[in-house]
Every structure is written in C-alpha cells, then in structure tokens.
Amino acid sequence: MTTTIYLVRHAAHDNVGGFLAGRTPGIRLGLEGRAQADRLGQRMRREPFAAVLSSPRERTQETAFAIASASGMVVETDERLDEIDFGDAWTGKTWEALNGDPTWNHWNAERAVARTAGGESMGEVQLRAVAALSDAAGRHADGAVVLVTHADVIKAIICHVLDLPLGHVHRFDINPASITPVVWGDWGAKLLWLNETVS
C-alpha cells in the first residue's frame, strides 16, 4: 500500500524573506500570498486527495483553507507540522541582525547537530514531521493527502526520504506556494518531484 503526500509550503506573507517569521503570531498572507493560495487551490483540484493537514501558523492555515475549500474539504491542524521553534532570541529578527550572531551562523553551518537558540534541532523537527507524514499515510493508505507546512520542515522530510544528511538542506530550495509530492509506503519512500511553483 502506498500514499501520495503533497508537501505544500505556505504562500507568501508581505515580508517573506525579510525577517525570520518563525512562530511569530499574526503573520498572515499578503495580497500576493492570497492570490498564490487561490492558485494552489485550483492547481490541487487536478489531484485526487482525501484530506488537508496544516501547521497551526496563520499563513499555513490560510493556504490550507484555500486548497481545502477549492475541493470541498476542511482543514485539519497537526502541531507536528509547525514551523521550527527558533526561540525568543531569533524569532522576528532581521537577517542582518541574525547574520551577526555567531550561534545563528553555527546553526546554519551545522544543521545536522546544532540547536536553535532556545528552540529545537533539525533532527527533532525531522522526527516530528516524519511522524506526522507517516500517520497521515497510515490513515489514507492507497490514497493521497496534502500537508501544508514550512520550508525547513519540508526540507527535513525530503532529507529523510532521500536519505540525505540534514546538513544538505541548503542544496535545494522550497519556494512559497510550492508543491513537492512524495510517495510513502511500507517499502520506503520516494520523491516524485521537487518545488513545483504555481504561477
């Protein structure tokens, strides 16, 4: 039995790429992000799927709602799909401020072993995200499900699927409003394609 899992990164908020949003409350989709989410909803109507699961962050919930509502479904929230916990020291900081922090630079250079400042490691992110994916696959065997989450969470899952060290997360991109499907089964998992961006 196999399950197709569509890993979807949330659409863009107004300052995507401008600062580390992390788990900052109240970060919602901007005008372009809402348009991206609507396009995702229309794109995903071409794929049969049984459920839409989402991180609890507002930007993922809004993206997931656009996908679910376009196919007449509701959104289920799974806390294990949440953004990385970057801790109070980093959350909400600009990239300029972070780049001057040696602990931030260490974390980016040593993702396989380093821990965020007051938060979690990429290994912990991978464990919880893969568990969420495995549970979703078990509930929808021989079907498909959409998981709406965050770039680094998707990267952690892809590293697991491809058996890549977590230090290799910088070798590929996961853009806002992108789709990355994997097939999950008792035999293992495989990547179908990477980072399809809906135009």
C-alpha atoms as a PDB file:
ATOM      1  CA  MET A   1       0.000   0.000   0.000  1.00  0.00           C
ATOM      2  CA  THR A   2       1.238   3.493  -0.829  1.00  0.00           C
ATOM      3  CA  THR A   3       0.118   7.040  -0.124  1.00  0.00           C
ATOM      4  CA  THR A   4       0.924  10.155  -2.090  1.00  0.00           C
ATOM      5  CA  ILE A   5       1.769  13.073   0.195  1.00  0.00           C
ATOM      6  CA  TYR A   6       1.699  16.547  -1.347  1.00  0.00           C
ATOM      7  CA  LEU A   7       4.038  18.702   0.725  1.00  0.00           C
ATOM      8  CA  VAL A   8       2.978  22.323   0.237  1.00  0.00           C
ATOM      9  CA  ARG A   9       4.835  25.345   1.532  1.00  0.00           C
ATOM     10  CA  HIS A  10       2.559  28.166   2.622  1.00  0.00           C
ATOM     11  CA  ALA A  11       2.048  31.114   0.273  1.00  0.00           C
ATOM     12  CA  ALA A  12       3.902  34.385   0.823  1.00  0.00           C
ATOM     13  CA  HIS A  13       3.274  36.893   3.568  1.00  0.00           C
ATOM     14  CA  ASP A  14       4.069  40.543   2.858  1.00  0.00           C
ATOM     15  CA  ASN A  15       7.601  40.417   4.265  1.00  0.00           C
ATOM     16  CA  VAL A  16       8.614  36.891   3.272  1.00  0.00           C
ATOM     17  CA  GLY A  17      12.405  36.775   3.064  1.00  0.00           C
ATOM     18  CA  GLY A  18      12.724  39.997   5.074  1.00  0.00           C
ATOM     19  CA  PHE A  19      12.969  38.520   8.565  1.00  0.00           C
ATOM     20  CA  LEU A  20      12.731  35.243  10.450  1.00  0.00           C
ATOM     21  CA  ALA A  21       8.995  34.890  10.978  1.00  0.00           C
ATOM     22  CA  GLY A  22       9.278  31.561  12.780  1.00  0.00           C
ATOM     23  CA  ARG A  23       6.376  31.140  15.185  1.00  0.00           C
ATOM     24  CA  THR A  24       5.632  34.867  15.467  1.00  0.00           C
ATOM     25  CA  PRO A  25       1.843  35.151  15.902  1.00  0.00           C
ATOM     26  CA  GLY A  26      -0.261  37.099  13.445  1.00  0.00           C
ATOM     27  CA  ILE A  27       1.845  36.571  10.297  1.00  0.00           C
ATOM     28  CA  ARG A  28      -0.830  36.305   7.609  1.00  0.00           C
ATOM     29  CA  LEU A  29      -0.781  36.090   3.842  1.00  0.00           C
ATOM     30  CA  GLY A  30      -0.399  39.326   1.941  1.00  0.00           C
ATOM     31  CA  LEU A  31      -2.314  40.256  -1.209  1.00  0.00           C
ATOM     32  CA  GLU A  32       0.045  38.291  -3.465  1.00  0.00           C
ATOM     33  CA  GLY A  33       0.080  35.423  -0.994  1.00  0.00           C
ATOM     34  CA  ARG A  34      -3.708  35.141  -1.069  1.00  0.00           C
ATOM     35  CA  ALA A  35      -3.573  35.059  -4.860  1.00  0.00           C
ATOM     36  CA  GLN A  36      -0.896  32.343  -4.677  1.00  0.00           C
ATOM     37  CA  ALA A  37      -3.052  30.334  -2.265  1.00  0.00           C
ATOM     38  CA  ASP A  38      -6.037  30.594  -4.597  1.00  0.00           C
ATOM     39  CA  ARG A  39      -3.866  29.346  -7.483  1.00  0.00           C
ATOM     40  CA  LEU A  40      -2.701  26.462  -5.309  1.00  0.00           C
ATOM     41  CA  GLY A  41      -6.314  25.585  -4.622  1.00  0.00           C
ATOM     42  CA  GLN A  42      -7.095  25.478  -8.331  1.00  0.00           C
ATOM     43  CA  ARG A  43      -3.914  23.525  -9.105  1.00  0.00           C
ATOM     44  CA  MET A  44      -4.625  20.909  -6.440  1.00  0.00           C
ATOM     45  CA  ARG A  45      -8.138  20.337  -7.762  1.00  0.00           C
ATOM     46  CA  ARG A  46      -6.414  18.329 -10.512  1.00  0.00           C
ATOM     47  CA  GLU A  47      -5.087  15.863  -7.924  1.00  0.00           C
ATOM     48  CA  PRO A  48      -7.293  13.428  -6.010  1.00  0.00           C
ATOM     49  CA  PHE A  49      -6.700  13.703  -2.265  1.00  0.00           C
ATOM     50  CA  ALA A  50      -8.648  12.807   0.841  1.00  0.00           C
ATOM     51  CA  ALA A  51      -7.513  15.340   3.441  1.00  0.00           C
ATOM     52  CA  VAL A  52      -5.682  18.612   4.042  1.00  0.00           C
ATOM     53  CA  LEU A  53      -3.491  18.875   7.138  1.00  0.00           C
ATOM     54  CA  SER A  54      -1.795  22.080   8.226  1.00  0.00           C
ATOM     55  CA  SER A  55       0.658  23.626  10.619  1.00  0.00           C
ATOM     56  CA  PRO A  56      -1.117  25.861  13.166  1.00  0.00           C
ATOM     57  CA  ARG A  57       0.533  29.087  11.899  1.00  0.00           C
ATOM     58  CA  GLU A  58      -1.883  31.595  10.343  1.00  0.00           C
ATOM     59  CA  ARG A  59      -0.078  31.676   6.999  1.00  0.00           C
ATOM     60  CA  THR A  60      -0.271  27.896   6.654  1.00  0.00           C
ATOM     61  CA  GLN A  61      -3.880  27.765   7.802  1.00  0.00           C
ATOM     62  CA  GLU A  62      -4.889  30.357   5.209  1.00  0.00           C
ATOM     63  CA  THR A  63      -3.036  28.490   2.472  1.00  0.00           C
ATOM     64  CA  ALA A  64      -4.552  25.180   3.546  1.00  0.00           C
ATOM     65  CA  PHE A  65      -8.041  26.710   3.645  1.00  0.00           C
ATOM     66  CA  ALA A  66      -7.699  27.858   0.029  1.00  0.00           C
ATOM     67  CA  ILE A  67      -6.693  24.339  -1.034  1.00  0.00           C
ATOM     68  CA  ALA A  68      -9.342  22.601   1.046  1.00  0.00           C
ATOM     69  CA  SER A  69     -12.211  24.910   0.133  1.00  0.00           C
ATOM     70  CA  ALA A  70     -11.474  24.609  -3.603  1.00  0.00           C
ATOM     71  CA  SER A  71     -12.059  20.853  -3.232  1.00  0.00           C
ATOM     72  CA  GLY A  72     -14.938  20.996  -0.759  1.00  0.00           C
ATOM     73  CA  MET A  73     -12.933  19.898   2.269  1.00  0.00           C
ATOM     74  CA  VAL A  74     -11.997  21.192   5.700  1.00  0.00           C
ATOM     75  CA  VAL A  75      -8.536  21.728   7.226  1.00  0.00           C
ATOM     76  CA  GLU A  76      -7.155  19.523   9.975  1.00  0.00           C
ATOM     77  CA  THR A  77      -4.422  21.022  12.180  1.00  0.00           C
ATOM     78  CA  ASP A  78      -1.386  18.944  13.110  1.00  0.00           C
ATOM     79  CA  GLU A  79       1.001  20.608  15.584  1.00  0.00           C
ATOM     80  CA  ARG A  80       3.832  18.399  14.326  1.00  0.00           C
ATOM     81  CA  LEU A  81       3.829  20.355  11.051  1.00  0.00           C
ATOM     82  CA  ASP A  82       4.589  23.614  12.872  1.00  0.00           C
ATOM     83  CA  GLU A  83       7.490  25.874  11.949  1.00  0.00           C
ATOM     84  CA  ILE A  84      10.848  25.295  13.629  1.00  0.00           C
ATOM     85  CA  ASP A  85      10.928  26.657  17.161  1.00  0.00           C
ATOM     86  CA  PHE A  86      13.673  29.266  16.803  1.00  0.00           C
ATOM     87  CA  GLY A  87      13.316  30.514  20.373  1.00  0.00           C
ATOM     88  CA  ASP A  88      12.878  34.088  21.544  1.00  0.00           C
ATOM     89  CA  ALA A  89      16.457  35.056  20.662  1.00  0.00           C
ATOM     90  CA  TRP A  90      15.940  34.627  16.905  1.00  0.00           C
ATOM     91  CA  THR A  91      12.207  34.771  16.196  1.00  0.00           C
ATOM     92  CA  GLY A  92      11.226  38.002  14.469  1.00  0.00           C
ATOM     93  CA  LYS A  93      14.810  39.156  13.873  1.00  0.00           C
ATOM     94  CA  THR A  94      16.008  40.565  10.560  1.00  0.00           C
ATOM     95  CA  TRP A  95      18.540  38.598   8.525  1.00  0.00           C
ATOM     96  CA  GLU A  96      21.048  41.398   9.040  1.00  0.00           C
ATOM     97  CA  ALA A  97      20.794  41.021  12.804  1.00  0.00           C
ATOM     98  CA  LEU A  98      20.934  37.228  12.622  1.00  0.00           C
ATOM     99  CA  ASN A  99      23.976  37.176  10.359  1.00  0.00           C
ATOM    100  CA  GLY A 100      25.917  38.976  13.071  1.00  0.00           C
ATOM    101  CA  ASP A 101      25.066  36.257  15.610  1.00  0.00           C
ATOM    102  CA  PRO A 102      27.709  33.500  15.765  1.00  0.00           C
ATOM    103  CA  THR A 103      25.194  30.977  17.142  1.00  0.00           C
ATOM    104  CA  TRP A 104      22.964  31.576  14.094  1.00  0.00           C
ATOM    105  CA  ASN A 105      25.912  31.068  11.758  1.00  0.00           C
ATOM    106  CA  HIS A 106      26.874  27.882  13.611  1.00  0.00           C
ATOM    107  CA  TRP A 107      23.330  26.528  13.322  1.00  0.00           C
ATOM    108  CA  ASN A 108      23.262  27.127   9.578  1.00  0.00           C
ATOM    109  CA  ALA A 109      26.706  25.588   9.089  1.00  0.00           C
ATOM    110  CA  GLU A 110      25.972  22.539  11.255  1.00  0.00           C
ATOM    111  CA  ARG A 111      22.290  21.797  10.795  1.00  0.00           C
ATOM    112  CA  ALA A 112      22.806  18.096  11.449  1.00  0.00           C
ATOM    113  CA  VAL A 113      23.972  18.651  15.035  1.00  0.00           C
ATOM    114  CA  ALA A 114      23.273  22.253  16.103  1.00  0.00           C
ATOM    115  CA  ARG A 115      20.249  23.518  18.007  1.00  0.00           C
ATOM    116  CA  THR A 116      18.425  26.798  17.553  1.00  0.00           C
ATOM    117  CA  ALA A 117      18.819  29.377  20.317  1.00  0.00           C
ATOM    118  CA  GLY A 118      16.328  28.201  22.916  1.00  0.00           C
ATOM    119  CA  GLY A 119      14.440  26.067  20.427  1.00  0.00           C
ATOM    120  CA  GLU A 120      14.855  22.735  18.689  1.00  0.00           C
ATOM    121  CA  SER A 121      17.283  20.941  16.416  1.00  0.00           C
ATOM    122  CA  MET A 122      16.678  19.959  12.788  1.00  0.00           C
ATOM    123  CA  GLY A 123      16.764  16.353  13.933  1.00  0.00           C
ATOM    124  CA  GLU A 124      13.839  16.996  16.280  1.00  0.00           C
ATOM    125  CA  VAL A 125      11.977  18.814  13.511  1.00  0.00           C
ATOM    126  CA  GLN A 126      12.554  15.860  11.192  1.00  0.00           C
ATOM    127  CA  LEU A 127      11.321  13.330  13.751  1.00  0.00           C
ATOM    128  CA  ARG A 128       8.038  15.115  14.411  1.00  0.00           C
ATOM    129  CA  ALA A 129       7.398  15.959  10.752  1.00  0.00           C
ATOM    130  CA  VAL A 130       8.105  12.440   9.510  1.00  0.00           C
ATOM    131  CA  ALA A 131       5.830  11.071  12.254  1.00  0.00           C
ATOM    132  CA  ALA A 132       3.035  13.348  11.039  1.00  0.00           C
ATOM    133  CA  LEU A 133       3.604  12.219   7.456  1.00  0.00           C
ATOM    134  CA  SER A 134       3.661   8.541   8.462  1.00  0.00           C
ATOM    135  CA  ASP A 135       0.439   8.880  10.443  1.00  0.00           C
ATOM    136  CA  ALA A 136      -1.275  10.665   7.550  1.00  0.00           C
ATOM    137  CA  ALA A 137      -0.131   7.926   5.183  1.00  0.00           C
ATOM    138  CA  GLY A 138      -1.492   5.285   7.537  1.00  0.00           C
ATOM    139  CA  ARG A 139      -4.889   6.985   7.654  1.00  0.00           C
ATOM    140  CA  HIS A 140      -5.071   7.339   3.879  1.00  0.00           C
ATOM    141  CA  ALA A 141      -3.485   4.166   2.540  1.00  0.00           C
ATOM    142  CA  ASP A 142      -3.673   3.887  -1.255  1.00  0.00           C
ATOM    143  CA  GLY A 143      -4.852   7.495  -1.350  1.00  0.00           C
ATOM    144  CA  ALA A 144      -3.393  10.967  -1.139  1.00  0.00           C
ATOM    145  CA  VAL A 145      -3.202  13.787   1.379  1.00  0.00           C
ATOM    146  CA  VAL A 146      -1.994  17.404   1.366  1.00  0.00           C
ATOM    147  CA  LEU A 147       0.322  18.641   4.153  1.00  0.00           C
ATOM    148  CA  VAL A 148       0.736  22.428   4.335  1.00  0.00           C
ATOM    149  CA  THR A 149       3.807  23.452   6.289  1.00  0.00           C
ATOM    150  CA  HIS A 150       7.066  25.440   6.160  1.00  0.00           C
ATOM    151  CA  ALA A 151      10.204  25.379   4.007  1.00  0.00           C
ATOM    152  CA  ASP A 152      12.630  23.887   6.530  1.00  0.00           C
ATOM    153  CA  VAL A 153      10.073  21.320   7.669  1.00  0.00           C
ATOM    154  CA  ILE A 154       9.646  20.163   4.062  1.00  0.00           C
ATOM    155  CA  LYS A 155      13.426  20.130   3.629  1.00  0.00           C
ATOM    156  CA  ALA A 156      13.782  17.925   6.704  1.00  0.00           C
ATOM    157  CA  ILE A 157      11.218  15.488   5.292  1.00  0.00           C
ATOM    158  CA  ILE A 158      12.940  15.410   1.893  1.00  0.00           C
ATOM    159  CA  CYS A 159      16.296  14.717   3.545  1.00  0.00           C
ATOM    160  CA  HIS A 160      14.644  11.743   5.251  1.00  0.00           C
ATOM    161  CA  VAL A 161      13.073  10.475   2.018  1.00  0.00           C
ATOM    162  CA  LEU A 162      16.325  10.782   0.063  1.00  0.00           C
ATOM    163  CA  ASP A 163      18.498   9.605   2.961  1.00  0.00           C
ATOM    164  CA  LEU A 164      20.455  12.861   2.885  1.00  0.00           C
ATOM    165  CA  PRO A 165      22.273  14.284   5.910  1.00  0.00           C
ATOM    166  CA  LEU A 166      20.418  17.230   7.408  1.00  0.00           C
ATOM    167  CA  GLY A 167      23.467  19.348   6.650  1.00  0.00           C
ATOM    168  CA  HIS A 168      22.418  19.183   2.984  1.00  0.00           C
ATOM    169  CA  VAL A 169      19.217  21.220   3.420  1.00  0.00           C
ATOM    170  CA  HIS A 170      20.881  24.188   1.696  1.00  0.00           C
ATOM    171  CA  ARG A 171      21.327  22.226  -1.540  1.00  0.00           C
ATOM    172  CA  PHE A 172      17.740  22.666  -2.725  1.00  0.00           C
ATOM    173  CA  ASP A 173      15.007  25.293  -2.476  1.00  0.00           C
ATOM    174  CA  ILE A 174      11.408  25.110  -1.305  1.00  0.00           C
ATOM    175  CA  ASN A 175       9.675  28.260  -2.531  1.00  0.00           C
ATOM    176  CA  PRO A 176       6.490  29.852  -1.166  1.00  0.00           C
ATOM    177  CA  ALA A 177       3.338  28.291  -2.621  1.00  0.00           C
ATOM    178  CA  SER A 178       5.251  25.272  -3.932  1.00  0.00           C
ATOM    179  CA  ILE A 179       4.270  21.606  -4.192  1.00  0.00           C
ATOM    180  CA  THR A 180       6.654  18.717  -3.503  1.00  0.00           C
ATOM    181  CA  PRO A 181       4.993  15.281  -3.635  1.00  0.00           C
ATOM    182  CA  VAL A 182       6.395  12.072  -2.192  1.00  0.00           C
ATOM    183  CA  VAL A 183       5.101   8.516  -2.262  1.00  0.00           C
ATOM    184  CA  TRP A 184       5.145   6.746   1.111  1.00  0.00           C
ATOM    185  CA  GLY A 185       4.820   3.004   1.598  1.00  0.00           C
ATOM    186  CA  ASP A 186       5.838   0.033   3.729  1.00  0.00           C
ATOM    187  CA  TRP A 187       8.823  -0.398   1.400  1.00  0.00           C
ATOM    188  CA  GLY A 188      10.087   3.151   1.998  1.00  0.00           C
ATOM    189  CA  ALA A 189       9.511   6.444   0.218  1.00  0.00           C
ATOM    190  CA  LYS A 190      10.423   8.261  -2.967  1.00  0.00           C
ATOM    191  CA  LEU A 191      10.342  11.826  -4.201  1.00  0.00           C
ATOM    192  CA  LEU A 192       8.126  12.405  -7.248  1.00  0.00           C
ATOM    193  CA  TRP A 193       9.216  15.965  -7.994  1.00  0.00           C
ATOM    194  CA  LEU A 194      10.615  18.944  -6.150  1.00  0.00           C
ATOM    195  CA  ASN A 195       9.416  22.504  -5.635  1.00  0.00           C
ATOM    196  CA  GLU A 196       6.723  22.949  -8.303  1.00  0.00           C
ATOM    197  CA  THR A 197       5.838  26.633  -8.019  1.00  0.00           C
ATOM    198  CA  VAL A 198       2.312  27.544  -9.048  1.00  0.00           C
ATOM    199  CA  SER A 199       2.359  30.553 -11.393  1.00  0.00           C
END
